[in-house]
Amino acid sequence: MPRSSLTREEVLEAAAALVRQHGPEALTMRKLAAELGTAVTSIYWHVGNRESLLDALVERTVQEMGAIRPTGRTPVARIVSVARGLRRELRARPHLIAMVHERGLTERMFLPAQQTLVHEVHAAGLRGARAADAVRAVQFQTVGFLLVERNRERSPLQSPGEGELWGAASAEHDPALARALARPADQDRLFTASVRALVNGLLAGGGT
């Protein structure tokens, strides 16, 4: 029996879940209605046609990406926390982010995170072009790191792999280095370390 009550937000949440799991091509009005246990006509009543639904999902994603809030007691910690939050949110919804990009709203989507970074680099003492460089450097580092992660995740099985390539000779006789490079990268730790090093350099001499 179809559900007697349904909200627009419930429709959008179910649609977003389908896109996150299977991509936008899996989102049909019939499948969405089945997920919600309602009639297709009810979906149309709440969100319009499929194109209107996709537009609403894009707008919802843009708004969600504006919810990143800094944490930490030092300027470096707070800026790093914004970068970590941005990476986490981007990783959580790749298909939805792709839809935002296809509709030409990527810059708008990133604006809230950039504004948060502006506030933090101002608090750290940077102004003008140096502040702008810091904001963009953190954003580019975050997005670039994520693109490398996705590329590695999608790449075919490598033969030889890292564990076979790194030895005493290839590591310039640094066995500890060879062992470390032969192991899979701890991506969370590496991301945090790389952003922290970047931010420390950006803030050096720019204030407290």
N, C-alpha and C. Protein backbone atom coordinates (compact mmCIF):
# COMPACT_ATOMS: atom_id res chain seq x y z
N MET A 1 0.85 -1.20 0.00
CA MET A 1 0.00 0.00 0.00
C MET A 1 0.88 1.25 0.00
N PRO A 2 0.62 2.23 -0.86
CA PRO A 2 1.43 3.45 -0.89
C PRO A 2 1.38 4.20 0.43
N ARG A 3 2.46 4.87 0.74
CA ARG A 3 2.50 5.67 1.96
C ARG A 3 1.54 6.84 1.86
N SER A 4 0.86 7.13 2.97
CA SER A 4 -0.13 8.20 2.96
C SER A 4 0.51 9.57 3.12
N SER A 5 1.71 9.62 3.70
CA SER A 5 2.37 10.91 3.89
C SER A 5 3.83 10.80 3.49
N LEU A 6 4.33 11.83 2.87
CA LEU A 6 5.70 11.85 2.39
C LEU A 6 6.13 13.29 2.28
N THR A 7 7.37 13.58 2.68
CA THR A 7 7.86 14.95 2.58
C THR A 7 8.86 15.07 1.44
N ARG A 8 9.04 16.28 0.98
CA ARG A 8 10.02 16.55 -0.08
C ARG A 8 11.42 16.15 0.38
N GLU A 9 11.75 16.42 1.65
CA GLU A 9 13.07 16.09 2.16
C GLU A 9 13.30 14.58 2.15
N GLU A 10 12.28 13.80 2.47
CA GLU A 10 12.41 12.34 2.42
C GLU A 10 12.67 11.86 1.00
N VAL A 11 11.99 12.48 0.04
CA VAL A 11 12.21 12.13 -1.36
C VAL A 11 13.66 12.44 -1.77
N LEU A 12 14.14 13.62 -1.40
CA LEU A 12 15.50 14.01 -1.77
C LEU A 12 16.54 13.14 -1.09
N GLU A 13 16.31 12.78 0.17
CA GLU A 13 17.26 11.93 0.89
C GLU A 13 17.35 10.55 0.24
N ALA A 14 16.20 9.98 -0.12
CA ALA A 14 16.19 8.68 -0.77
C ALA A 14 16.86 8.76 -2.14
N ALA A 15 16.60 9.82 -2.88
CA ALA A 15 17.21 10.00 -4.20
C ALA A 15 18.72 10.15 -4.07
N ALA A 16 19.16 10.93 -3.08
CA ALA A 16 20.60 11.11 -2.87
C ALA A 16 21.26 9.79 -2.51
N ALA A 17 20.59 8.97 -1.72
CA ALA A 17 21.15 7.67 -1.34
C ALA A 17 21.32 6.78 -2.57
N LEU A 18 20.34 6.79 -3.46
CA LEU A 18 20.45 6.00 -4.69
C LEU A 18 21.63 6.47 -5.55
N VAL A 19 21.78 7.79 -5.67
CA VAL A 19 22.88 8.33 -6.48
C VAL A 19 24.22 8.02 -5.84
N ARG A 20 24.32 8.16 -4.51
CA ARG A 20 25.58 7.86 -3.82
C ARG A 20 26.00 6.41 -4.04
N GLN A 21 25.05 5.51 -4.02
CA GLN A 21 25.37 4.09 -4.12
C GLN A 21 25.60 3.61 -5.55
N HIS A 22 24.80 4.14 -6.49
CA HIS A 22 24.81 3.55 -7.82
C HIS A 22 25.04 4.54 -8.96
N GLY A 23 25.12 5.84 -8.65
CA GLY A 23 25.30 6.83 -9.70
C GLY A 23 23.99 7.37 -10.21
N PRO A 24 24.01 8.52 -10.89
CA PRO A 24 22.77 9.18 -11.33
C PRO A 24 21.98 8.35 -12.34
N GLU A 25 22.66 7.49 -13.11
CA GLU A 25 21.94 6.70 -14.11
C GLU A 25 20.98 5.71 -13.46
N ALA A 26 21.22 5.36 -12.18
CA ALA A 26 20.35 4.41 -11.47
C ALA A 26 19.11 5.09 -10.91
N LEU A 27 19.07 6.41 -10.96
CA LEU A 27 17.95 7.14 -10.37
C LEU A 27 16.81 7.27 -11.38
N THR A 28 15.79 6.46 -11.20
CA THR A 28 14.57 6.58 -12.00
C THR A 28 13.41 6.86 -11.05
N MET A 29 12.40 7.47 -11.56
CA MET A 29 11.25 7.80 -10.72
C MET A 29 10.57 6.53 -10.21
N ARG A 30 10.56 5.49 -11.03
CA ARG A 30 9.94 4.24 -10.62
C ARG A 30 10.73 3.58 -9.49
N LYS A 31 12.06 3.56 -9.64
CA LYS A 31 12.89 2.95 -8.59
C LYS A 31 12.81 3.77 -7.30
N LEU A 32 12.79 5.08 -7.42
CA LEU A 32 12.69 5.93 -6.24
C LEU A 32 11.36 5.70 -5.52
N ALA A 33 10.28 5.59 -6.29
CA ALA A 33 8.97 5.33 -5.69
C ALA A 33 8.96 3.99 -4.96
N ALA A 34 9.61 3.00 -5.56
CA ALA A 34 9.68 1.69 -4.91
C ALA A 34 10.46 1.76 -3.60
N GLU A 35 11.56 2.50 -3.61
CA GLU A 35 12.36 2.67 -2.39
C GLU A 35 11.55 3.30 -1.28
N LEU A 36 10.70 4.23 -1.63
CA LEU A 36 9.91 4.97 -0.64
C LEU A 36 8.56 4.32 -0.34
N GLY A 37 8.20 3.29 -1.10
CA GLY A 37 6.93 2.63 -0.88
C GLY A 37 5.75 3.52 -1.20
N THR A 38 5.86 4.26 -2.29
CA THR A 38 4.79 5.17 -2.66
C THR A 38 4.55 5.10 -4.17
N ALA A 39 3.60 5.85 -4.66
CA ALA A 39 3.30 5.87 -6.09
C ALA A 39 4.21 6.87 -6.81
N VAL A 40 4.48 6.60 -8.08
CA VAL A 40 5.31 7.50 -8.88
C VAL A 40 4.68 8.89 -8.93
N THR A 41 3.37 8.96 -8.98
CA THR A 41 2.70 10.26 -9.03
C THR A 41 3.00 11.10 -7.79
N SER A 42 3.21 10.43 -6.66
CA SER A 42 3.53 11.16 -5.44
C SER A 42 4.92 11.79 -5.54
N ILE A 43 5.86 11.09 -6.17
CA ILE A 43 7.21 11.63 -6.38
C ILE A 43 7.13 12.87 -7.25
N TYR A 44 6.37 12.79 -8.34
CA TYR A 44 6.22 13.94 -9.23
C TYR A 44 5.59 15.13 -8.49
N TRP A 45 4.65 14.85 -7.62
CA TRP A 45 3.98 15.93 -6.89
C TRP A 45 4.96 16.68 -5.99
N HIS A 46 5.91 15.94 -5.40
CA HIS A 46 6.85 16.56 -4.45
C HIS A 46 8.03 17.25 -5.14
N VAL A 47 8.54 16.67 -6.22
CA VAL A 47 9.79 17.20 -6.79
C VAL A 47 9.70 17.51 -8.28
N GLY A 48 8.57 17.28 -8.91
CA GLY A 48 8.48 17.51 -10.34
C GLY A 48 9.06 16.35 -11.13
N ASN A 49 9.53 16.61 -12.35
CA ASN A 49 10.08 15.53 -13.17
C ASN A 49 11.50 15.19 -12.76
N ARG A 50 12.11 14.23 -13.46
CA ARG A 50 13.44 13.75 -13.08
C ARG A 50 14.49 14.86 -13.17
N GLU A 51 14.39 15.71 -14.18
CA GLU A 51 15.36 16.79 -14.32
C GLU A 51 15.25 17.77 -13.15
N SER A 52 14.03 18.05 -12.73
CA SER A 52 13.83 18.91 -11.56
C SER A 52 14.39 18.26 -10.30
N LEU A 53 14.23 16.95 -10.21
CA LEU A 53 14.77 16.21 -9.08
C LEU A 53 16.30 16.30 -9.05
N LEU A 54 16.92 16.14 -10.20
CA LEU A 54 18.38 16.24 -10.27
C LEU A 54 18.85 17.64 -9.88
N ASP A 55 18.14 18.66 -10.36
CA ASP A 55 18.48 20.04 -9.98
C ASP A 55 18.38 20.23 -8.47
N ALA A 56 17.32 19.66 -7.86
CA ALA A 56 17.15 19.78 -6.41
C ALA A 56 18.26 19.05 -5.66
N LEU A 57 18.70 17.91 -6.18
CA LEU A 57 19.80 17.17 -5.55
C LEU A 57 21.10 17.96 -5.62
N VAL A 58 21.33 18.60 -6.76
CA VAL A 58 22.53 19.42 -6.91
C VAL A 58 22.50 20.57 -5.91
N GLU A 59 21.38 21.25 -5.81
CA GLU A 59 21.26 22.36 -4.88
C GLU A 59 21.44 21.89 -3.43
N ARG A 60 20.90 20.75 -3.12
CA ARG A 60 21.04 20.17 -1.78
C ARG A 60 22.51 19.85 -1.46
N THR A 61 23.21 19.31 -2.47
CA THR A 61 24.63 18.99 -2.28
C THR A 61 25.45 20.25 -2.06
N VAL A 62 25.16 21.29 -2.82
CA VAL A 62 25.85 22.57 -2.65
C VAL A 62 25.67 23.09 -1.22
N GLN A 63 24.45 23.00 -0.71
CA GLN A 63 24.16 23.47 0.65
C GLN A 63 24.88 22.62 1.69
N GLU A 64 24.89 21.30 1.49
CA GLU A 64 25.56 20.41 2.43
C GLU A 64 27.06 20.68 2.50
N MET A 65 27.66 21.03 1.37
CA MET A 65 29.09 21.30 1.34
C MET A 65 29.44 22.59 2.08
N GLY A 66 28.43 23.39 2.41
CA GLY A 66 28.69 24.62 3.15
C GLY A 66 28.66 24.43 4.65
N ALA A 67 28.51 23.19 5.10
CA ALA A 67 28.35 22.93 6.53
C ALA A 67 29.66 22.62 7.24
N ILE A 68 30.80 22.79 6.58
CA ILE A 68 32.10 22.48 7.19
C ILE A 68 32.47 23.54 8.20
N ARG A 69 32.80 23.13 9.41
CA ARG A 69 33.15 24.05 10.48
C ARG A 69 34.53 23.69 11.04
N PRO A 70 35.40 24.69 11.26
CA PRO A 70 36.74 24.41 11.78
C PRO A 70 36.71 24.01 13.25
N THR A 71 37.67 23.20 13.62
CA THR A 71 37.88 22.84 15.03
C THR A 71 39.37 22.98 15.33
N GLY A 72 39.71 23.09 16.61
CA GLY A 72 41.11 23.20 17.00
C GLY A 72 41.41 24.52 17.66
N ARG A 73 42.52 24.58 18.38
CA ARG A 73 42.87 25.77 19.15
C ARG A 73 43.93 26.64 18.50
N THR A 74 44.62 26.11 17.49
CA THR A 74 45.66 26.90 16.84
C THR A 74 45.24 27.17 15.39
N PRO A 75 45.80 28.22 14.77
CA PRO A 75 45.47 28.49 13.36
C PRO A 75 45.74 27.30 12.45
N VAL A 76 46.88 26.63 12.64
CA VAL A 76 47.21 25.49 11.79
C VAL A 76 46.19 24.38 11.97
N ALA A 77 45.86 24.06 13.22
CA ALA A 77 44.91 22.98 13.49
C ALA A 77 43.55 23.29 12.89
N ARG A 78 43.13 24.53 12.97
CA ARG A 78 41.80 24.90 12.46
C ARG A 78 41.76 24.84 10.93
N ILE A 79 42.80 25.31 10.28
CA ILE A 79 42.84 25.26 8.82
C ILE A 79 42.92 23.81 8.33
N VAL A 80 43.74 23.01 9.00
CA VAL A 80 43.84 21.59 8.65
C VAL A 80 42.49 20.91 8.84
N SER A 81 41.76 21.27 9.88
CA SER A 81 40.45 20.65 10.11
C SER A 81 39.47 20.97 9.00
N VAL A 82 39.55 22.17 8.43
CA VAL A 82 38.69 22.53 7.30
C VAL A 82 39.05 21.67 6.09
N ALA A 83 40.34 21.50 5.83
CA ALA A 83 40.77 20.67 4.71
C ALA A 83 40.32 19.22 4.89
N ARG A 84 40.45 18.71 6.11
CA ARG A 84 40.01 17.34 6.39
C ARG A 84 38.49 17.21 6.19
N GLY A 85 37.75 18.20 6.65
CA GLY A 85 36.30 18.17 6.47
C GLY A 85 35.91 18.22 5.01
N LEU A 86 36.60 19.06 4.24
CA LEU A 86 36.31 19.17 2.81
C LEU A 86 36.59 17.85 2.11
N ARG A 87 37.72 17.24 2.41
CA ARG A 87 38.05 15.93 1.79
C ARG A 87 37.01 14.88 2.18
N ARG A 88 36.63 14.86 3.43
CA ARG A 88 35.63 13.88 3.90
C ARG A 88 34.31 14.04 3.17
N GLU A 89 33.84 15.28 3.03
CA GLU A 89 32.56 15.52 2.37
C GLU A 89 32.62 15.19 0.88
N LEU A 90 33.73 15.51 0.24
CA LEU A 90 33.88 15.19 -1.18
C LEU A 90 33.93 13.68 -1.41
N ARG A 91 34.64 12.98 -0.53
CA ARG A 91 34.74 11.51 -0.65
C ARG A 91 33.39 10.84 -0.43
N ALA A 92 32.56 11.43 0.39
CA ALA A 92 31.29 10.79 0.77
C ALA A 92 30.25 10.83 -0.35
N ARG A 93 30.44 11.71 -1.34
CA ARG A 93 29.39 11.87 -2.36
C ARG A 93 29.98 12.13 -3.75
N PRO A 94 30.82 11.23 -4.27
CA PRO A 94 31.46 11.49 -5.57
C PRO A 94 30.48 11.67 -6.72
N HIS A 95 29.43 10.85 -6.77
CA HIS A 95 28.47 10.97 -7.88
C HIS A 95 27.72 12.29 -7.82
N LEU A 96 27.36 12.71 -6.62
CA LEU A 96 26.65 13.97 -6.47
C LEU A 96 27.55 15.15 -6.82
N ILE A 97 28.81 15.07 -6.41
CA ILE A 97 29.78 16.13 -6.75
C ILE A 97 29.94 16.21 -8.26
N ALA A 98 29.98 15.06 -8.93
CA ALA A 98 30.09 15.06 -10.39
C ALA A 98 28.88 15.75 -11.02
N MET A 99 27.70 15.54 -10.46
CA MET A 99 26.50 16.21 -10.97
C MET A 99 26.60 17.72 -10.79
N VAL A 100 27.12 18.15 -9.64
CA VAL A 100 27.32 19.59 -9.41
C VAL A 100 28.25 20.16 -10.47
N HIS A 101 29.34 19.44 -10.72
CA HIS A 101 30.34 19.90 -11.70
C HIS A 101 29.73 19.99 -13.09
N GLU A 102 28.93 18.98 -13.48
CA GLU A 102 28.33 18.96 -14.81
C GLU A 102 27.37 20.12 -15.02
N ARG A 103 26.79 20.62 -13.94
CA ARG A 103 25.86 21.74 -14.05
C ARG A 103 26.53 23.09 -13.86
N GLY A 104 27.86 23.09 -13.82
CA GLY A 104 28.60 24.34 -13.76
C GLY A 104 28.51 25.07 -12.43
N LEU A 105 28.33 24.31 -11.33
CA LEU A 105 28.17 24.94 -10.02
C LEU A 105 29.32 24.61 -9.06
N THR A 106 30.43 24.15 -9.60
CA THR A 106 31.55 23.75 -8.74
C THR A 106 32.08 24.92 -7.93
N GLU A 107 32.28 26.06 -8.58
CA GLU A 107 32.83 27.22 -7.86
C GLU A 107 31.89 27.66 -6.74
N ARG A 108 30.60 27.66 -7.04
CA ARG A 108 29.64 28.03 -5.99
C ARG A 108 29.68 27.03 -4.84
N MET A 109 29.83 25.74 -5.18
CA MET A 109 29.88 24.72 -4.14
C MET A 109 31.06 24.92 -3.20
N PHE A 110 32.20 25.31 -3.75
CA PHE A 110 33.40 25.49 -2.95
C PHE A 110 33.42 26.81 -2.18
N LEU A 111 32.57 27.75 -2.55
CA LEU A 111 32.63 29.08 -1.95
C LEU A 111 32.52 29.07 -0.42
N PRO A 112 31.57 28.34 0.20
CA PRO A 112 31.50 28.36 1.67
C PRO A 112 32.79 27.88 2.34
N ALA A 113 33.39 26.81 1.81
CA ALA A 113 34.65 26.32 2.38
C ALA A 113 35.75 27.36 2.21
N GLN A 114 35.77 28.02 1.05
CA GLN A 114 36.76 29.07 0.83
C GLN A 114 36.56 30.23 1.81
N GLN A 115 35.31 30.60 2.04
CA GLN A 115 35.03 31.69 2.98
C GLN A 115 35.46 31.32 4.40
N THR A 116 35.26 30.06 4.77
CA THR A 116 35.72 29.60 6.07
C THR A 116 37.24 29.69 6.15
N LEU A 117 37.93 29.30 5.08
CA LEU A 117 39.39 29.39 5.05
C LEU A 117 39.85 30.84 5.10
N VAL A 118 39.13 31.73 4.42
CA VAL A 118 39.46 33.16 4.47
C VAL A 118 39.43 33.65 5.91
N HIS A 119 38.38 33.30 6.62
CA HIS A 119 38.27 33.72 8.02
C HIS A 119 39.45 33.20 8.84
N GLU A 120 39.83 31.96 8.61
CA GLU A 120 40.91 31.36 9.41
C GLU A 120 42.28 31.94 9.05
N VAL A 121 42.54 32.18 7.76
CA VAL A 121 43.86 32.75 7.42
C VAL A 121 43.94 34.21 7.84
N HIS A 122 42.81 34.92 7.84
CA HIS A 122 42.80 36.27 8.40
C HIS A 122 43.13 36.24 9.89
N ALA A 123 42.53 35.30 10.60
CA ALA A 123 42.80 35.17 12.03
C ALA A 123 44.26 34.82 12.29
N ALA A 124 44.89 34.15 11.30
CA ALA A 124 46.30 33.78 11.44
C ALA A 124 47.24 34.91 11.05
N GLY A 125 46.70 36.02 10.56
CA GLY A 125 47.53 37.18 10.27
C GLY A 125 47.81 37.45 8.81
N LEU A 126 47.28 36.63 7.91
CA LEU A 126 47.52 36.86 6.48
C LEU A 126 46.47 37.79 5.89
N ARG A 127 46.89 38.60 4.93
CA ARG A 127 45.99 39.51 4.25
C ARG A 127 46.33 39.54 2.76
N GLY A 128 45.38 40.04 2.00
CA GLY A 128 45.63 40.30 0.58
C GLY A 128 46.01 39.06 -0.21
N ALA A 129 46.99 39.23 -1.11
CA ALA A 129 47.38 38.16 -2.02
C ALA A 129 47.91 36.94 -1.28
N ARG A 130 48.61 37.16 -0.15
CA ARG A 130 49.11 36.01 0.61
C ARG A 130 47.96 35.19 1.18
N ALA A 131 46.93 35.87 1.63
CA ALA A 131 45.75 35.16 2.15
C ALA A 131 45.07 34.39 1.02
N ALA A 132 44.95 35.02 -0.15
CA ALA A 132 44.32 34.36 -1.30
C ALA A 132 45.11 33.12 -1.71
N ASP A 133 46.44 33.25 -1.74
CA ASP A 133 47.28 32.10 -2.08
C ASP A 133 47.09 30.96 -1.09
N ALA A 134 46.99 31.30 0.19
CA ALA A 134 46.81 30.27 1.21
C ALA A 134 45.49 29.54 1.03
N VAL A 135 44.42 30.29 0.78
CA VAL A 135 43.10 29.68 0.59
C VAL A 135 43.12 28.73 -0.60
N ARG A 136 43.67 29.19 -1.71
CA ARG A 136 43.70 28.36 -2.91
C ARG A 136 44.64 27.17 -2.75
N ALA A 137 45.75 27.37 -2.10
CA ALA A 137 46.70 26.27 -1.92
C ALA A 137 46.08 25.13 -1.12
N VAL A 138 45.36 25.47 -0.07
CA VAL A 138 44.71 24.44 0.75
C VAL A 138 43.62 23.74 -0.05
N GLN A 139 42.84 24.50 -0.81
CA GLN A 139 41.79 23.90 -1.62
C GLN A 139 42.38 22.99 -2.69
N PHE A 140 43.40 23.47 -3.41
CA PHE A 140 43.99 22.68 -4.48
C PHE A 140 44.67 21.42 -3.93
N GLN A 141 45.33 21.55 -2.78
CA GLN A 141 45.96 20.39 -2.17
C GLN A 141 44.91 19.33 -1.84
N THR A 142 43.78 19.78 -1.29
CA THR A 142 42.73 18.86 -0.89
C THR A 142 42.13 18.16 -2.11
N VAL A 143 41.76 18.92 -3.13
CA VAL A 143 41.13 18.34 -4.31
C VAL A 143 42.14 17.48 -5.08
N GLY A 144 43.38 17.95 -5.20
CA GLY A 144 44.39 17.18 -5.91
C GLY A 144 44.69 15.86 -5.22
N PHE A 145 44.78 15.88 -3.91
CA PHE A 145 45.02 14.65 -3.15
C PHE A 145 43.88 13.66 -3.39
N LEU A 146 42.66 14.19 -3.37
CA LEU A 146 41.49 13.33 -3.58
C LEU A 146 41.49 12.71 -4.97
N LEU A 147 41.88 13.47 -5.98
CA LEU A 147 41.93 12.94 -7.34
C LEU A 147 42.96 11.81 -7.45
N VAL A 148 44.10 11.96 -6.78
CA VAL A 148 45.10 10.90 -6.78
C VAL A 148 44.56 9.66 -6.06
N GLU A 149 43.89 9.86 -4.94
CA GLU A 149 43.28 8.74 -4.22
C GLU A 149 42.32 7.97 -5.12
N ARG A 150 41.43 8.68 -5.80
CA ARG A 150 40.44 8.02 -6.64
C ARG A 150 41.10 7.29 -7.81
N ASN A 151 42.14 7.90 -8.36
CA ASN A 151 42.85 7.27 -9.47
C ASN A 151 43.48 5.96 -9.03
N ARG A 152 44.08 5.96 -7.82
CA ARG A 152 44.70 4.74 -7.31
C ARG A 152 43.65 3.68 -6.99
N GLU A 153 42.51 4.11 -6.48
CA GLU A 153 41.45 3.16 -6.14
C GLU A 153 40.87 2.50 -7.39
N ARG A 154 40.83 3.24 -8.50
CA ARG A 154 40.21 2.73 -9.73
C ARG A 154 41.21 2.01 -10.64
N SER A 155 42.49 2.14 -10.36
CA SER A 155 43.49 1.57 -11.26
C SER A 155 43.49 0.05 -11.17
N PRO A 156 43.86 -0.64 -12.25
CA PRO A 156 43.91 -2.11 -12.22
C PRO A 156 45.02 -2.58 -11.28
N LEU A 157 44.96 -3.85 -10.91
CA LEU A 157 45.98 -4.44 -10.05
C LEU A 157 47.35 -4.26 -10.69
N GLN A 158 48.28 -3.72 -9.92
CA GLN A 158 49.61 -3.42 -10.44
C GLN A 158 50.56 -4.61 -10.27
N SER A 159 51.30 -4.93 -11.32
CA SER A 159 52.27 -6.00 -11.26
C SER A 159 53.51 -5.59 -12.05
N PRO A 160 54.63 -5.34 -11.41
CA PRO A 160 54.85 -5.50 -9.97
C PRO A 160 54.21 -4.37 -9.15
N GLY A 161 53.89 -4.68 -7.91
CA GLY A 161 53.33 -3.69 -7.01
C GLY A 161 54.43 -2.99 -6.23
N GLU A 162 54.02 -2.03 -5.40
CA GLU A 162 55.00 -1.26 -4.63
C GLU A 162 55.87 -2.15 -3.76
N GLY A 163 55.28 -3.19 -3.17
CA GLY A 163 56.05 -4.07 -2.30
C GLY A 163 57.18 -4.77 -3.01
N GLU A 164 57.01 -4.97 -4.34
CA GLU A 164 58.06 -5.65 -5.11
C GLU A 164 59.07 -4.66 -5.69
N LEU A 165 58.68 -3.42 -5.82
CA LEU A 165 59.55 -2.43 -6.47
C LEU A 165 60.58 -1.82 -5.52
N TRP A 166 60.22 -1.76 -4.24
CA TRP A 166 61.10 -1.07 -3.31
C TRP A 166 61.99 -2.04 -2.54
N GLY A 167 63.30 -1.84 -2.72
CA GLY A 167 64.30 -2.63 -2.02
C GLY A 167 65.47 -1.73 -1.66
N ALA A 168 66.52 -2.31 -1.17
CA ALA A 168 67.67 -1.53 -0.71
C ALA A 168 68.24 -0.66 -1.83
N ALA A 169 68.34 -1.20 -3.03
CA ALA A 169 68.96 -0.44 -4.13
C ALA A 169 68.05 0.69 -4.59
N SER A 170 66.78 0.40 -4.81
CA SER A 170 65.88 1.44 -5.32
C SER A 170 65.62 2.53 -4.30
N ALA A 171 65.84 2.24 -3.01
CA ALA A 171 65.64 3.24 -1.95
C ALA A 171 66.95 3.88 -1.52
N GLU A 172 67.96 3.78 -2.37
CA GLU A 172 69.27 4.38 -2.07
C GLU A 172 69.81 3.89 -0.73
N HIS A 173 69.68 2.58 -0.53
CA HIS A 173 70.24 1.91 0.66
C HIS A 173 69.70 2.49 1.97
N ASP A 174 68.42 2.81 1.95
CA ASP A 174 67.71 3.24 3.16
C ASP A 174 66.63 2.19 3.43
N PRO A 175 66.96 1.14 4.19
CA PRO A 175 66.02 0.03 4.36
C PRO A 175 64.71 0.44 5.03
N ALA A 176 64.77 1.38 5.96
CA ALA A 176 63.54 1.82 6.61
C ALA A 176 62.62 2.52 5.61
N LEU A 177 63.21 3.32 4.73
CA LEU A 177 62.45 3.97 3.67
C LEU A 177 61.83 2.94 2.74
N ALA A 178 62.63 1.93 2.36
CA ALA A 178 62.14 0.89 1.46
C ALA A 178 60.96 0.15 2.08
N ARG A 179 61.05 -0.18 3.34
CA ARG A 179 59.95 -0.89 4.01
C ARG A 179 58.69 -0.02 4.05
N ALA A 180 58.88 1.27 4.34
CA ALA A 180 57.73 2.17 4.44
C ALA A 180 57.05 2.34 3.08
N LEU A 181 57.84 2.49 2.00
CA LEU A 181 57.26 2.68 0.68
C LEU A 181 56.67 1.40 0.11
N ALA A 182 57.08 0.27 0.63
CA ALA A 182 56.54 -1.01 0.19
C ALA A 182 55.17 -1.29 0.79
N ARG A 183 54.85 -0.59 1.89
CA ARG A 183 53.55 -0.77 2.54
C ARG A 183 52.52 0.16 1.91
N PRO A 184 51.24 -0.20 1.93
CA PRO A 184 50.20 0.71 1.43
C PRO A 184 50.22 2.01 2.22
N ALA A 185 49.95 3.10 1.53
CA ALA A 185 49.96 4.40 2.20
C ALA A 185 48.77 4.53 3.14
N ASP A 186 49.02 5.10 4.31
CA ASP A 186 47.93 5.47 5.22
C ASP A 186 47.44 6.83 4.73
N GLN A 187 46.38 6.82 3.93
CA GLN A 187 45.98 8.03 3.22
C GLN A 187 45.50 9.13 4.16
N ASP A 188 44.79 8.77 5.21
CA ASP A 188 44.34 9.79 6.16
C ASP A 188 45.52 10.47 6.84
N ARG A 189 46.48 9.67 7.30
CA ARG A 189 47.65 10.24 7.97
C ARG A 189 48.47 11.07 7.01
N LEU A 190 48.64 10.57 5.77
CA LEU A 190 49.44 11.28 4.78
C LEU A 190 48.79 12.60 4.40
N PHE A 191 47.47 12.59 4.25
CA PHE A 191 46.77 13.83 3.91
C PHE A 191 46.95 14.86 5.01
N THR A 192 46.72 14.46 6.25
CA THR A 192 46.86 15.40 7.36
C THR A 192 48.27 15.95 7.45
N ALA A 193 49.26 15.07 7.31
CA ALA A 193 50.66 15.51 7.39
C ALA A 193 51.01 16.48 6.27
N SER A 194 50.52 16.20 5.06
CA SER A 194 50.87 17.06 3.92
C SER A 194 50.19 18.42 4.04
N VAL A 195 48.93 18.45 4.47
CA VAL A 195 48.25 19.74 4.62
C VAL A 195 48.87 20.53 5.77
N ARG A 196 49.21 19.85 6.87
CA ARG A 196 49.83 20.55 8.00
C ARG A 196 51.15 21.19 7.59
N ALA A 197 51.96 20.44 6.82
CA ALA A 197 53.24 20.99 6.36
C ALA A 197 53.01 22.18 5.44
N LEU A 198 52.02 22.07 4.56
CA LEU A 198 51.69 23.18 3.66
C LEU A 198 51.26 24.41 4.45
N VAL A 199 50.37 24.22 5.41
CA VAL A 199 49.84 25.36 6.16
C VAL A 199 50.94 25.99 7.02
N ASN A 200 51.78 25.17 7.63
CA ASN A 200 52.90 25.73 8.40
C ASN A 200 53.76 26.63 7.53
N GLY A 201 54.03 26.20 6.30
CA GLY A 201 54.82 27.01 5.39
C GLY A 201 54.11 28.28 4.97
N LEU A 202 52.82 28.16 4.70
CA LEU A 202 52.04 29.33 4.28
C LEU A 202 51.94 30.40 5.37
N LEU A 203 51.84 29.94 6.62
CA LEU A 203 51.68 30.88 7.73
C LEU A 203 53.00 31.43 8.27
N ALA A 204 54.10 30.82 7.89
CA ALA A 204 55.40 31.24 8.41
C ALA A 204 55.65 32.71 8.08
N GLY A 205 55.87 33.49 9.10
CA GLY A 205 56.16 34.91 8.91
C GLY A 205 54.94 35.74 8.59
N GLY A 206 53.72 35.09 8.61
CA GLY A 206 52.53 35.83 8.24
C GLY A 206 51.71 36.29 9.40
N GLY A 207 52.19 36.10 10.63
CA GLY A 207 51.43 36.48 11.81
C GLY A 207 51.32 35.31 12.75
N THR A 208 50.54 35.43 13.79
CA THR A 208 50.43 34.38 14.78
C THR A 208 49.33 33.42 14.40
